[in-house]
Amino acid sequence: MANRILGFCFAVLVSVILISLALELLAQIWGWLLLIALIVLAVVAGVWIYRWRSSRW
């Protein structure tokens, strides 16, 4: 029983460490991710508008 509790506590500790590292990495690249998302959104909107305008005729 003690081994299961110790294993669970170790798993929680590793999970907390990995989540904190992931958040630090995300904080460093947040601006780039937002820029890429905006570029993709602009391309998708441009294609949608082009298809909408060309299908009217």
Protein backbone atom coordinates (compact mmCIF):
# COMPACT_ATOMS: atom_id res chain seq x y z
CA MET A 1 0.00 0.00 0.00
CA ALA A 2 2.83 2.40 0.82
CA ASN A 3 4.44 1.76 -2.57
CA ARG A 4 1.24 2.74 -4.37
CA ILE A 5 0.94 5.98 -2.39
CA LEU A 6 4.61 6.78 -2.97
CA GLY A 7 4.24 6.07 -6.69
CA PHE A 8 1.18 8.29 -6.88
CA CYS A 9 2.96 11.14 -5.09
CA PHE A 10 5.94 10.79 -7.42
CA ALA A 11 3.65 10.86 -10.46
CA VAL A 12 1.94 14.02 -9.19
CA LEU A 13 5.32 15.67 -8.58
CA VAL A 14 6.57 14.83 -12.06
CA SER A 15 3.30 16.07 -13.56
CA VAL A 16 3.55 19.41 -11.76
CA ILE A 17 7.15 19.86 -12.89
CA LEU A 18 6.30 19.03 -16.50
CA ILE A 19 3.31 21.38 -16.52
CA SER A 20 5.41 24.23 -15.14
CA LEU A 21 8.09 23.63 -17.79
CA ALA A 22 5.45 23.54 -20.51
CA LEU A 23 3.97 26.83 -19.30
CA GLU A 24 7.40 28.46 -19.30
CA LEU A 25 7.99 27.28 -22.86
CA LEU A 26 4.56 28.52 -23.93
CA ALA A 27 5.24 31.91 -22.34
CA GLN A 28 8.42 32.24 -24.42
CA ILE A 29 6.79 31.43 -27.75
CA TRP A 30 3.32 32.90 -27.14
CA GLY A 31 3.83 35.83 -29.50
CA TRP A 32 5.02 33.62 -32.35
CA LEU A 33 2.09 31.25 -31.91
CA LEU A 34 -0.33 34.17 -32.02
CA LEU A 35 1.33 35.55 -35.16
CA ILE A 36 1.14 32.17 -36.91
CA ALA A 37 -2.51 31.79 -35.91
CA LEU A 38 -3.34 35.23 -37.31
CA ILE A 39 -1.56 34.47 -40.60
CA VAL A 40 -3.43 31.18 -40.96
CA LEU A 41 -6.71 32.92 -40.15
CA ALA A 42 -6.03 35.61 -42.77
CA VAL A 43 -5.27 32.99 -45.44
CA VAL A 44 -8.40 30.99 -44.62
CA ALA A 45 -10.52 34.14 -44.67
CA GLY A 46 -8.99 35.19 -48.00
CA VAL A 47 -9.71 31.81 -49.59
CA TRP A 48 -13.26 31.85 -48.22
CA ILE A 49 -13.92 35.36 -49.56
CA TYR A 50 -12.40 34.47 -52.94
CA ARG A 51 -14.58 31.35 -53.25
CA TRP A 52 -17.67 33.26 -52.11
CA ARG A 53 -17.13 36.06 -54.64
CA SER A 54 -16.36 33.72 -57.52
CA SER A 55 -19.37 31.48 -56.88
CA ARG A 56 -21.83 34.39 -57.08
CA TRP A 57 -21.39 34.67 -60.85
